[in-house]
């Protein structure tokens, strides 16, 4: 058995891929993300901000001082 992971947010492509897999007789399962899309966007923006130096790092050794 092999696993192929396809990541896309384009709902039209998802429909086409499902139709194709069904047409050629491939068993598949679809797993939706358990996270809200707005939450994911916030996390991705925060990660990008940190890469661009826009964030603040806190030294955990001085957290309570």
PDB file of N, CA and C in Angstrom:
ATOM      1  N   UNK A   1       0.842  -1.176   0.000  1.00  0.00           N
ATOM      2  CA  UNK A   1       0.000   0.000   0.000  1.00  0.00           C
ATOM      3  C   UNK A   1       0.885   1.235   0.000  1.00  0.00           C
ATOM      4  N   UNK A   2       0.498   2.234  -0.756  1.00  0.00           N
ATOM      5  CA  UNK A   2       1.203   3.506  -0.816  1.00  0.00           C
ATOM      6  C   UNK A   2       0.262   4.618  -0.411  1.00  0.00           C
ATOM      7  N   UNK A   3       0.840   5.701   0.073  1.00  0.00           N
ATOM      8  CA  UNK A   3       0.059   6.865   0.467  1.00  0.00           C
ATOM      9  C   UNK A   3       0.485   8.058  -0.370  1.00  0.00           C
ATOM     10  N   UNK A   4      -0.493   8.752  -0.912  1.00  0.00           N
ATOM     11  CA  UNK A   4      -0.243   9.978  -1.658  1.00  0.00           C
ATOM     12  C   UNK A   4      -0.984  11.092  -0.936  1.00  0.00           C
ATOM     13  N   UNK A   5      -0.275  12.147  -0.585  1.00  0.00           N
ATOM     14  CA  UNK A   5      -0.890  13.280   0.096  1.00  0.00           C
ATOM     15  C   UNK A   5      -0.990  14.432  -0.895  1.00  0.00           C
ATOM     16  N   UNK A   6      -2.198  14.922  -1.066  1.00  0.00           N
ATOM     17  CA  UNK A   6      -2.447  16.047  -1.961  1.00  0.00           C
ATOM     18  C   UNK A   6      -2.979  17.185  -1.106  1.00  0.00           C
ATOM     19  N   UNK A   7      -2.273  18.302  -1.123  1.00  0.00           N
ATOM     20  CA  UNK A   7      -2.695  19.453  -0.325  1.00  0.00           C
ATOM     21  C   UNK A   7      -3.178  20.551  -1.265  1.00  0.00           C
ATOM     22  N   UNK A   8      -4.432  20.899  -1.112  1.00  0.00           N
ATOM     23  CA  UNK A   8      -4.991  21.992  -1.909  1.00  0.00           C
ATOM     24  C   UNK A   8      -6.180  22.582  -1.168  1.00  0.00           C
ATOM     25  N   UNK A   9      -6.368  23.861  -1.330  1.00  0.00           N
ATOM     26  CA  UNK A   9      -7.537  24.518  -0.753  1.00  0.00           C
ATOM     27  C   UNK A   9      -8.577  24.803  -1.831  1.00  0.00           C
ATOM     28  N   UNK A  10      -8.239  24.499  -3.077  1.00  0.00           N
ATOM     29  CA  UNK A  10      -9.128  24.745  -4.203  1.00  0.00           C
ATOM     30  C   UNK A  10     -10.190  23.651  -4.245  1.00  0.00           C
ATOM     31  N   UNK A  11     -11.417  24.008  -3.908  1.00  0.00           N
ATOM     32  CA  UNK A  11     -12.493  23.022  -3.816  1.00  0.00           C
ATOM     33  C   UNK A  11     -12.822  22.385  -5.164  1.00  0.00           C
ATOM     34  N   UNK A  12     -12.648  23.130  -6.247  1.00  0.00           N
ATOM     35  CA  UNK A  12     -12.903  22.580  -7.578  1.00  0.00           C
ATOM     36  C   UNK A  12     -11.893  21.477  -7.905  1.00  0.00           C
ATOM     37  N   UNK A  13     -10.644  21.704  -7.562  1.00  0.00           N
ATOM     38  CA  UNK A  13      -9.618  20.673  -7.791  1.00  0.00           C
ATOM     39  C   UNK A  13      -9.896  19.429  -6.958  1.00  0.00           C
ATOM     40  N   UNK A  14     -10.340  19.640  -5.731  1.00  0.00           N
ATOM     41  CA  UNK A  14     -10.657  18.493  -4.869  1.00  0.00           C
ATOM     42  C   UNK A  14     -11.747  17.646  -5.518  1.00  0.00           C
ATOM     43  N   UNK A  15     -12.789  18.295  -6.055  1.00  0.00           N
ATOM     44  CA  UNK A  15     -13.865  17.566  -6.725  1.00  0.00           C
ATOM     45  C   UNK A  15     -13.324  16.774  -7.911  1.00  0.00           C
ATOM     46  N   UNK A  16     -12.475  17.417  -8.713  1.00  0.00           N
ATOM     47  CA  UNK A  16     -11.919  16.742  -9.888  1.00  0.00           C
ATOM     48  C   UNK A  16     -11.047  15.557  -9.495  1.00  0.00           C
ATOM     49  N   UNK A  17     -10.251  15.720  -8.468  1.00  0.00           N
ATOM     50  CA  UNK A  17      -9.381  14.628  -8.011  1.00  0.00           C
ATOM     51  C   UNK A  17     -10.222  13.470  -7.501  1.00  0.00           C
ATOM     52  N   UNK A  18     -11.274  13.764  -6.742  1.00  0.00           N
ATOM     53  CA  UNK A  18     -12.158  12.708  -6.235  1.00  0.00           C
ATOM     54  C   UNK A  18     -12.818  11.954  -7.392  1.00  0.00           C
ATOM     55  N   UNK A  19     -13.322  12.708  -8.378  1.00  0.00           N
ATOM     56  CA  UNK A  19     -13.956  12.074  -9.533  1.00  0.00           C
ATOM     57  C   UNK A  19     -12.962  11.187 -10.287  1.00  0.00           C
ATOM     58  N   UNK A  20     -11.745  11.675 -10.453  1.00  0.00           N
ATOM     59  CA  UNK A  20     -10.712  10.896 -11.147  1.00  0.00           C
ATOM     60  C   UNK A  20     -10.409   9.606 -10.391  1.00  0.00           C
ATOM     61  N   UNK A  21     -10.205   9.707  -9.089  1.00  0.00           N
ATOM     62  CA  UNK A  21      -9.882   8.522  -8.291  1.00  0.00           C
ATOM     63  C   UNK A  21     -11.022   7.506  -8.318  1.00  0.00           C
ATOM     64  N   UNK A  22     -12.242   7.994  -8.232  1.00  0.00           N
ATOM     65  CA  UNK A  22     -13.390   7.088  -8.314  1.00  0.00           C
ATOM     66  C   UNK A  22     -13.458   6.419  -9.687  1.00  0.00           C
ATOM     67  N   UNK A  23     -13.170   7.177 -10.743  1.00  0.00           N
ATOM     68  CA  UNK A  23     -13.251   6.644 -12.105  1.00  0.00           C
ATOM     69  C   UNK A  23     -12.241   5.536 -12.351  1.00  0.00           C
ATOM     70  N   UNK A  24     -11.074   5.634 -11.734  1.00  0.00           N
ATOM     71  CA  UNK A  24     -10.059   4.600 -11.954  1.00  0.00           C
ATOM     72  C   UNK A  24     -10.068   3.533 -10.866  1.00  0.00           C
ATOM     73  N   UNK A  25     -11.038   3.623  -9.949  1.00  0.00           N
ATOM     74  CA  UNK A  25     -11.226   2.576  -8.949  1.00  0.00           C
ATOM     75  C   UNK A  25     -10.230   2.592  -7.808  1.00  0.00           C
ATOM     76  N   UNK A  26      -9.751   3.759  -7.438  1.00  0.00           N
ATOM     77  CA  UNK A  26      -8.789   3.868  -6.330  1.00  0.00           C
ATOM     78  C   UNK A  26      -9.550   4.176  -5.044  1.00  0.00           C
ATOM     79  N   UNK A  27      -9.278   3.389  -4.008  1.00  0.00           N
ATOM     80  CA  UNK A  27      -9.855   3.670  -2.695  1.00  0.00           C
ATOM     81  C   UNK A  27      -9.127   4.866  -2.088  1.00  0.00           C
ATOM     82  N   UNK A  28      -9.886   5.779  -1.498  1.00  0.00           N
ATOM     83  CA  UNK A  28      -9.273   6.951  -0.887  1.00  0.00           C
ATOM     84  C   UNK A  28     -10.125   7.428   0.273  1.00  0.00           C
ATOM     85  N   UNK A  29      -9.521   8.254   1.102  1.00  0.00           N
ATOM     86  CA  UNK A  29     -10.264   8.889   2.184  1.00  0.00           C
ATOM     87  C   UNK A  29      -9.847  10.349   2.250  1.00  0.00           C
ATOM     88  N   UNK A  30     -10.778  11.186   2.628  1.00  0.00           N
ATOM     89  CA  UNK A  30     -10.530  12.612   2.718  1.00  0.00           C
ATOM     90  C   UNK A  30     -10.564  13.000   4.189  1.00  0.00           C
ATOM     91  N   UNK A  31      -9.523  13.686   4.623  1.00  0.00           N
ATOM     92  CA  UNK A  31      -9.471  14.166   5.997  1.00  0.00           C
ATOM     93  C   UNK A  31      -9.434  15.683   5.978  1.00  0.00           C
ATOM     94  N   UNK A  32     -10.394  16.272   6.632  1.00  0.00           N
ATOM     95  CA  UNK A  32     -10.445  17.726   6.727  1.00  0.00           C
ATOM     96  C   UNK A  32      -9.621  18.163   7.931  1.00  0.00           C
ATOM     97  N   UNK A  33      -9.076  19.355   7.840  1.00  0.00           N
ATOM     98  CA  UNK A  33      -8.305  19.901   8.947  1.00  0.00           C
ATOM     99  C   UNK A  33      -9.235  20.180  10.124  1.00  0.00           C
ATOM    100  N   UNK A  34      -8.821  19.826  11.335  1.00  0.00           N
ATOM    101  CA  UNK A  34      -9.673  20.104  12.498  1.00  0.00           C
ATOM    102  C   UNK A  34      -9.613  21.570  12.918  1.00  0.00           C
ATOM    103  N   UNK A  35      -8.780  22.362  12.255  1.00  0.00           N
ATOM    104  CA  UNK A  35      -8.581  23.749  12.652  1.00  0.00           C
ATOM    105  C   UNK A  35      -9.363  24.706  11.764  1.00  0.00           C
ATOM    106  N   UNK A  36      -9.819  25.776  12.359  1.00  0.00           N
ATOM    107  CA  UNK A  36     -10.515  26.838  11.657  1.00  0.00           C
ATOM    108  C   UNK A  36      -9.533  27.542  10.727  1.00  0.00           C
ATOM    109  N   UNK A  37      -9.972  27.875   9.519  1.00  0.00           N
ATOM    110  CA  UNK A  37      -9.086  28.501   8.527  1.00  0.00           C
ATOM    111  C   UNK A  37      -8.556  29.847   9.004  1.00  0.00           C
ATOM    112  N   UNK A  38      -9.368  30.614   9.733  1.00  0.00           N
ATOM    113  CA  UNK A  38      -8.923  31.914  10.252  1.00  0.00           C
ATOM    114  C   UNK A  38      -7.794  31.720  11.262  1.00  0.00           C
ATOM    115  N   UNK A  39      -7.894  30.681  12.077  1.00  0.00           N
ATOM    116  CA  UNK A  39      -6.864  30.381  13.067  1.00  0.00           C
ATOM    117  C   UNK A  39      -5.551  30.005  12.370  1.00  0.00           C
ATOM    118  N   UNK A  40      -5.633  29.195  11.359  1.00  0.00           N
ATOM    119  CA  UNK A  40      -4.442  28.794  10.604  1.00  0.00           C
ATOM    120  C   UNK A  40      -3.782  30.014   9.971  1.00  0.00           C
ATOM    121  N   UNK A  41      -4.593  30.918   9.422  1.00  0.00           N
ATOM    122  CA  UNK A  41      -4.056  32.132   8.798  1.00  0.00           C
ATOM    123  C   UNK A  41      -3.327  32.996   9.823  1.00  0.00           C
ATOM    124  N   UNK A  42      -3.859  33.096  11.038  1.00  0.00           N
ATOM    125  CA  UNK A  42      -3.192  33.880  12.090  1.00  0.00           C
ATOM    126  C   UNK A  42      -1.841  33.270  12.459  1.00  0.00           C
ATOM    127  N   UNK A  43      -1.795  31.965  12.578  1.00  0.00           N
ATOM    128  CA  UNK A  43      -0.546  31.285  12.926  1.00  0.00           C
ATOM    129  C   UNK A  43       0.486  31.485  11.817  1.00  0.00           C
ATOM    130  N   UNK A  44       0.061  31.354  10.569  1.00  0.00           N
ATOM    131  CA  UNK A  44       0.982  31.536   9.450  1.00  0.00           C
ATOM    132  C   UNK A  44       1.492  32.971   9.386  1.00  0.00           C
ATOM    133  N   UNK A  45       0.634  33.948   9.677  1.00  0.00           N
ATOM    134  CA  UNK A  45       1.056  35.341   9.681  1.00  0.00           C
ATOM    135  C   UNK A  45       2.062  35.586  10.804  1.00  0.00           C
ATOM    136  N   UNK A  46       1.803  35.017  11.973  1.00  0.00           N
ATOM    137  CA  UNK A  46       2.724  35.178  13.100  1.00  0.00           C
ATOM    138  C   UNK A  46       4.088  34.575  12.772  1.00  0.00           C
ATOM    139  N   UNK A  47       4.104  33.414  12.138  1.00  0.00           N
ATOM    140  CA  UNK A  47       5.366  32.788  11.746  1.00  0.00           C
ATOM    141  C   UNK A  47       6.108  33.664  10.741  1.00  0.00           C
ATOM    142  N   UNK A  48       5.381  34.232   9.793  1.00  0.00           N
ATOM    143  CA  UNK A  48       5.999  35.111   8.801  1.00  0.00           C
ATOM    144  C   UNK A  48       6.540  36.376   9.469  1.00  0.00           C
ATOM    145  N   UNK A  49       5.790  36.936  10.404  1.00  0.00           N
ATOM    146  CA  UNK A  49       6.251  38.123  11.133  1.00  0.00           C
ATOM    147  C   UNK A  49       7.547  37.837  11.881  1.00  0.00           C
ATOM    148  N   UNK A  50       7.638  36.666  12.497  1.00  0.00           N
ATOM    149  CA  UNK A  50       8.864  36.304  13.227  1.00  0.00           C
ATOM    150  C   UNK A  50      10.040  36.190  12.265  1.00  0.00           C
ATOM    151  N   UNK A  51       9.817  35.617  11.087  1.00  0.00           N
ATOM    152  CA  UNK A  51      10.888  35.498  10.100  1.00  0.00           C
ATOM    153  C   UNK A  51      11.365  36.872   9.643  1.00  0.00           C
ATOM    154  N   UNK A  52      10.443  37.839   9.602  1.00  0.00           N
ATOM    155  CA  UNK A  52      10.774  39.191   9.160  1.00  0.00           C
ATOM    156  C   UNK A  52      11.284  40.070  10.297  1.00  0.00           C
ATOM    157  N   UNK A  53      11.406  39.498  11.489  1.00  0.00           N
ATOM    158  CA  UNK A  53      11.937  40.249  12.626  1.00  0.00           C
ATOM    159  C   UNK A  53      10.934  41.175  13.287  1.00  0.00           C
ATOM    160  N   UNK A  54       9.662  40.967  13.065  1.00  0.00           N
ATOM    161  CA  UNK A  54       8.630  41.835  13.624  1.00  0.00           C
ATOM    162  C   UNK A  54       8.145  41.377  14.998  1.00  0.00           C
ATOM    163  N   UNK A  55       8.596  40.228  15.465  1.00  0.00           N
ATOM    164  CA  UNK A  55       8.132  39.691  16.738  1.00  0.00           C
ATOM    165  C   UNK A  55       9.052  40.053  17.883  1.00  0.00           C
ATOM    166  N   UNK A  56       8.654  39.674  19.080  1.00  0.00           N
ATOM    167  CA  UNK A  56       9.453  39.892  20.270  1.00  0.00           C
ATOM    168  C   UNK A  56       9.733  38.538  20.903  1.00  0.00           C
ATOM    169  N   UNK A  57      11.013  38.269  21.161  1.00  0.00           N
ATOM    170  CA  UNK A  57      11.389  37.025  21.824  1.00  0.00           C
ATOM    171  C   UNK A  57      11.586  37.309  23.306  1.00  0.00           C
ATOM    172  N   UNK A  58      11.095  36.396  24.117  1.00  0.00           N
ATOM    173  CA  UNK A  58      11.214  36.531  25.560  1.00  0.00           C
ATOM    174  C   UNK A  58      12.126  35.416  26.051  1.00  0.00           C
ATOM    175  N   UNK A  59      13.153  35.803  26.811  1.00  0.00           N
ATOM    176  CA  UNK A  59      14.059  34.818  27.403  1.00  0.00           C
ATOM    177  C   UNK A  59      13.329  34.143  28.554  1.00  0.00           C
ATOM    178  N   UNK A  60      13.111  32.839  28.472  1.00  0.00           N
ATOM    179  CA  UNK A  60      12.338  32.148  29.512  1.00  0.00           C
ATOM    180  C   UNK A  60      13.028  32.181  30.865  1.00  0.00           C
ATOM    181  N   UNK A  61      14.335  32.387  30.883  1.00  0.00           N
ATOM    182  CA  UNK A  61      15.051  32.479  32.150  1.00  0.00           C
ATOM    183  C   UNK A  61      14.723  33.784  32.872  1.00  0.00           C
ATOM    184  N   UNK A  62      14.296  34.795  32.153  1.00  0.00           N
ATOM    185  CA  UNK A  62      13.965  36.094  32.743  1.00  0.00           C
ATOM    186  C   UNK A  62      12.471  36.358  32.688  1.00  0.00           C
ATOM    187  N   UNK A  63      11.690  35.348  32.477  1.00  0.00           N
ATOM    188  CA  UNK A  63      10.238  35.506  32.302  1.00  0.00           C
ATOM    189  C   UNK A  63       9.575  36.121  33.531  1.00  0.00           C
ATOM    190  N   UNK A  64       9.996  35.748  34.712  1.00  0.00           N
ATOM    191  CA  UNK A  64       9.336  36.204  35.937  1.00  0.00           C
ATOM    192  C   UNK A  64      10.111  37.322  36.616  1.00  0.00           C
ATOM    193  N   UNK A  65      11.085  37.897  35.986  1.00  0.00           N
ATOM    194  CA  UNK A  65      11.875  38.978  36.612  1.00  0.00           C
ATOM    195  C   UNK A  65      11.376  40.328  36.194  1.00  0.00           C
TER     196      UNK A  65
END
